[in-house]
């Protein structure tokens, strides 16, 4: 999966989680100690947030029971394991 495709797929998940939690971008930004513009950029796929940001997003949107996030976490663990093994 290309980096652009990853960003787009993750952007859709982030948007869905935030909207599903009934949070505005501004409210989520305040909860996370971020700028609203960062939330917008991640949701539009302009930037790919790191794992800690996504984990925090899941926490604040209470999206951790969504099976798609579990699949995302497992994929990240595999990628991190490969990266660690090759360094």
N, C-alpha and C. Protein backbone atom coordinates (compact mmCIF):
# COMPACT_ATOMS: atom_id res chain seq x y z
N UNK A 1 0.85 -1.17 0.00
CA UNK A 1 0.00 0.00 0.00
C UNK A 1 0.90 1.23 0.00
N UNK A 2 0.64 2.13 -0.91
CA UNK A 2 1.47 3.34 -0.99
C UNK A 2 1.17 4.27 0.17
N UNK A 3 2.11 5.17 0.44
CA UNK A 3 1.94 6.12 1.53
C UNK A 3 0.70 6.98 1.33
N UNK A 4 0.44 7.39 0.08
CA UNK A 4 -0.76 8.18 -0.21
C UNK A 4 -2.03 7.41 0.08
N UNK A 5 -2.05 6.14 -0.27
CA UNK A 5 -3.21 5.29 -0.02
C UNK A 5 -3.39 5.07 1.48
N UNK A 6 -2.29 4.90 2.20
CA UNK A 6 -2.35 4.75 3.66
C UNK A 6 -2.96 5.99 4.29
N UNK A 7 -2.49 7.14 3.84
CA UNK A 7 -3.01 8.40 4.40
C UNK A 7 -4.50 8.53 4.16
N UNK A 8 -4.93 8.22 2.93
CA UNK A 8 -6.35 8.33 2.59
C UNK A 8 -7.20 7.37 3.43
N UNK A 9 -6.75 6.14 3.56
CA UNK A 9 -7.51 5.14 4.33
C UNK A 9 -7.58 5.54 5.80
N UNK A 10 -6.46 5.95 6.35
CA UNK A 10 -6.45 6.36 7.76
C UNK A 10 -7.27 7.62 7.95
N UNK A 11 -7.20 8.55 7.02
CA UNK A 11 -7.98 9.79 7.12
C UNK A 11 -9.47 9.48 7.24
N UNK A 12 -9.95 8.54 6.45
CA UNK A 12 -11.37 8.16 6.50
C UNK A 12 -11.73 7.56 7.86
N UNK A 13 -10.83 6.74 8.40
CA UNK A 13 -11.08 6.13 9.70
C UNK A 13 -11.10 7.19 10.80
N UNK A 14 -10.17 8.13 10.74
CA UNK A 14 -10.10 9.18 11.76
C UNK A 14 -11.37 10.03 11.73
N UNK A 15 -11.79 10.40 10.52
CA UNK A 15 -13.00 11.19 10.37
C UNK A 15 -14.22 10.45 10.92
N UNK A 16 -14.34 9.18 10.54
CA UNK A 16 -15.46 8.37 10.98
C UNK A 16 -15.49 8.26 12.51
N UNK A 17 -14.35 8.04 13.12
CA UNK A 17 -14.28 7.90 14.57
C UNK A 17 -14.69 9.20 15.27
N UNK A 18 -14.17 10.32 14.78
CA UNK A 18 -14.49 11.61 15.42
C UNK A 18 -15.96 11.92 15.29
N UNK A 19 -16.49 11.78 14.08
CA UNK A 19 -17.91 12.07 13.85
C UNK A 19 -18.79 11.12 14.65
N UNK A 20 -18.39 9.86 14.71
CA UNK A 20 -19.15 8.87 15.47
C UNK A 20 -19.19 9.18 16.96
N UNK A 21 -18.14 9.85 17.45
CA UNK A 21 -18.09 10.23 18.86
C UNK A 21 -18.82 11.55 19.12
N UNK A 22 -19.28 12.18 18.04
CA UNK A 22 -20.00 13.45 18.20
C UNK A 22 -19.10 14.61 18.58
N UNK A 23 -17.82 14.52 18.21
CA UNK A 23 -16.87 15.58 18.54
C UNK A 23 -16.60 16.47 17.33
N UNK A 24 -16.47 17.75 17.58
CA UNK A 24 -16.02 18.66 16.54
C UNK A 24 -14.50 18.55 16.44
N UNK A 25 -13.95 19.03 15.35
CA UNK A 25 -12.50 19.05 15.22
C UNK A 25 -11.89 19.88 16.34
N UNK A 26 -12.52 21.00 16.64
CA UNK A 26 -12.00 21.89 17.69
C UNK A 26 -11.99 21.21 19.05
N UNK A 27 -13.07 20.50 19.38
CA UNK A 27 -13.14 19.83 20.68
C UNK A 27 -12.10 18.72 20.77
N UNK A 28 -11.97 17.92 19.72
CA UNK A 28 -10.97 16.85 19.74
C UNK A 28 -9.57 17.42 19.85
N UNK A 29 -9.31 18.50 19.14
CA UNK A 29 -8.00 19.16 19.21
C UNK A 29 -7.70 19.59 20.64
N UNK A 30 -8.67 20.16 21.32
CA UNK A 30 -8.46 20.59 22.71
C UNK A 30 -8.19 19.40 23.62
N UNK A 31 -8.94 18.33 23.44
CA UNK A 31 -8.73 17.13 24.25
C UNK A 31 -7.33 16.56 24.06
N UNK A 32 -6.84 16.62 22.82
CA UNK A 32 -5.54 16.05 22.49
C UNK A 32 -4.38 17.03 22.68
N UNK A 33 -4.69 18.29 22.98
CA UNK A 33 -3.63 19.29 23.12
C UNK A 33 -3.00 19.64 21.78
N UNK A 34 -3.82 19.62 20.74
CA UNK A 34 -3.36 19.89 19.37
C UNK A 34 -4.09 21.10 18.82
N UNK A 35 -3.71 21.50 17.63
CA UNK A 35 -4.40 22.57 16.92
C UNK A 35 -5.51 21.95 16.07
N UNK A 36 -6.59 22.70 15.90
CA UNK A 36 -7.68 22.23 15.06
C UNK A 36 -7.19 21.97 13.64
N UNK A 37 -6.25 22.79 13.18
CA UNK A 37 -5.73 22.62 11.82
C UNK A 37 -5.02 21.27 11.65
N UNK A 38 -4.38 20.77 12.72
CA UNK A 38 -3.74 19.45 12.63
C UNK A 38 -4.79 18.36 12.47
N UNK A 39 -5.88 18.47 13.22
CA UNK A 39 -6.96 17.49 13.12
C UNK A 39 -7.49 17.47 11.68
N UNK A 40 -7.71 18.65 11.14
CA UNK A 40 -8.20 18.78 9.77
C UNK A 40 -7.23 18.17 8.76
N UNK A 41 -5.95 18.43 8.93
CA UNK A 41 -4.94 17.90 7.99
C UNK A 41 -4.89 16.38 8.04
N UNK A 42 -4.99 15.80 9.22
CA UNK A 42 -4.99 14.34 9.34
C UNK A 42 -6.25 13.75 8.73
N UNK A 43 -7.39 14.39 8.96
CA UNK A 43 -8.64 13.87 8.42
C UNK A 43 -8.73 14.02 6.90
N UNK A 44 -8.03 14.96 6.35
CA UNK A 44 -8.03 15.13 4.90
C UNK A 44 -6.91 14.33 4.24
N UNK A 45 -6.08 13.67 5.02
CA UNK A 45 -5.01 12.85 4.48
C UNK A 45 -3.81 13.63 3.99
N UNK A 46 -3.69 14.87 4.44
CA UNK A 46 -2.54 15.68 4.06
C UNK A 46 -1.28 15.15 4.73
N UNK A 47 -1.42 14.76 5.99
CA UNK A 47 -0.31 14.17 6.73
C UNK A 47 -0.76 12.85 7.33
N UNK A 48 0.18 11.95 7.53
CA UNK A 48 -0.08 10.65 8.14
C UNK A 48 0.38 10.73 9.60
N UNK A 49 -0.55 10.70 10.55
CA UNK A 49 -0.14 10.78 11.94
C UNK A 49 0.56 9.50 12.39
N UNK A 50 1.40 9.63 13.37
CA UNK A 50 2.09 8.47 13.92
C UNK A 50 1.19 7.65 14.82
N UNK A 51 1.68 6.49 15.17
CA UNK A 51 0.91 5.57 16.01
C UNK A 51 0.44 6.21 17.32
N UNK A 52 1.30 6.95 18.06
CA UNK A 52 0.83 7.55 19.32
C UNK A 52 -0.35 8.49 19.13
N UNK A 53 -0.36 9.25 18.06
CA UNK A 53 -1.47 10.16 17.78
C UNK A 53 -2.74 9.38 17.50
N UNK A 54 -2.64 8.34 16.71
CA UNK A 54 -3.82 7.54 16.38
C UNK A 54 -4.34 6.83 17.63
N UNK A 55 -3.43 6.32 18.46
CA UNK A 55 -3.86 5.66 19.70
C UNK A 55 -4.61 6.65 20.60
N UNK A 56 -4.13 7.86 20.68
CA UNK A 56 -4.80 8.90 21.46
C UNK A 56 -6.16 9.24 20.86
N UNK A 57 -6.21 9.32 19.53
CA UNK A 57 -7.47 9.60 18.82
C UNK A 57 -8.51 8.54 19.16
N UNK A 58 -8.09 7.27 19.13
CA UNK A 58 -8.98 6.16 19.45
C UNK A 58 -9.48 6.30 20.88
N UNK A 59 -8.60 6.66 21.79
CA UNK A 59 -8.96 6.83 23.19
C UNK A 59 -10.04 7.90 23.36
N UNK A 60 -9.81 9.07 22.78
CA UNK A 60 -10.75 10.18 22.96
C UNK A 60 -12.06 9.99 22.19
N UNK A 61 -12.06 9.25 21.13
CA UNK A 61 -13.29 9.03 20.38
C UNK A 61 -13.99 7.74 20.81
N UNK A 62 -13.36 7.03 21.73
CA UNK A 62 -13.91 5.76 22.23
C UNK A 62 -14.21 4.78 21.10
N UNK A 63 -13.34 4.80 20.11
CA UNK A 63 -13.53 3.94 18.93
C UNK A 63 -12.80 2.61 19.06
N UNK A 64 -12.29 2.31 20.26
CA UNK A 64 -11.48 1.11 20.41
C UNK A 64 -12.26 -0.19 20.26
N UNK A 65 -13.58 -0.13 20.27
CA UNK A 65 -14.35 -1.36 20.08
C UNK A 65 -14.69 -1.62 18.62
N UNK A 66 -14.28 -0.72 17.74
CA UNK A 66 -14.52 -0.89 16.31
C UNK A 66 -13.50 -1.89 15.76
N UNK A 67 -13.94 -2.99 15.13
CA UNK A 67 -13.01 -4.02 14.65
C UNK A 67 -11.97 -3.49 13.66
N UNK A 68 -12.30 -2.45 12.94
CA UNK A 68 -11.34 -1.93 11.97
C UNK A 68 -10.10 -1.36 12.67
N UNK A 69 -10.29 -0.78 13.85
CA UNK A 69 -9.15 -0.25 14.60
C UNK A 69 -8.26 -1.38 15.11
N UNK A 70 -8.87 -2.48 15.50
CA UNK A 70 -8.08 -3.63 15.95
C UNK A 70 -7.21 -4.14 14.80
N UNK A 71 -7.76 -4.20 13.61
CA UNK A 71 -6.98 -4.61 12.44
C UNK A 71 -5.87 -3.62 12.17
N UNK A 72 -6.15 -2.33 12.33
CA UNK A 72 -5.13 -1.30 12.12
C UNK A 72 -3.99 -1.47 13.13
N UNK A 73 -4.34 -1.69 14.40
CA UNK A 73 -3.31 -1.87 15.44
C UNK A 73 -2.43 -3.08 15.14
N UNK A 74 -3.05 -4.18 14.72
CA UNK A 74 -2.28 -5.38 14.40
C UNK A 74 -1.32 -5.11 13.24
N UNK A 75 -1.81 -4.41 12.23
CA UNK A 75 -0.94 -4.08 11.09
C UNK A 75 0.22 -3.20 11.53
N UNK A 76 -0.02 -2.26 12.41
CA UNK A 76 1.04 -1.38 12.90
C UNK A 76 2.07 -2.17 13.69
N UNK A 77 1.61 -3.13 14.48
CA UNK A 77 2.54 -3.96 15.25
C UNK A 77 3.44 -4.76 14.33
N UNK A 78 2.90 -5.27 13.23
CA UNK A 78 3.69 -6.02 12.26
C UNK A 78 4.73 -5.10 11.63
N UNK A 79 4.30 -3.91 11.20
CA UNK A 79 5.22 -2.95 10.58
C UNK A 79 6.31 -2.56 11.56
N UNK A 80 5.94 -2.28 12.80
CA UNK A 80 6.94 -1.89 13.81
C UNK A 80 7.90 -3.03 14.08
N UNK A 81 7.39 -4.26 14.09
CA UNK A 81 8.25 -5.42 14.31
C UNK A 81 9.26 -5.60 13.18
N UNK A 82 8.82 -5.40 11.95
CA UNK A 82 9.71 -5.50 10.79
C UNK A 82 10.75 -4.39 10.84
N UNK A 83 10.33 -3.18 11.16
CA UNK A 83 11.25 -2.06 11.24
C UNK A 83 12.30 -2.29 12.31
N UNK A 84 11.87 -2.78 13.48
CA UNK A 84 12.79 -3.03 14.58
C UNK A 84 13.78 -4.14 14.21
N UNK A 85 13.30 -5.18 13.56
CA UNK A 85 14.15 -6.31 13.18
C UNK A 85 15.20 -5.94 12.14
N UNK A 86 14.90 -4.95 11.30
CA UNK A 86 15.84 -4.59 10.25
C UNK A 86 16.81 -3.50 10.68
N UNK A 87 16.61 -2.92 11.83
CA UNK A 87 17.53 -1.85 12.33
C UNK A 87 18.64 -2.41 13.16
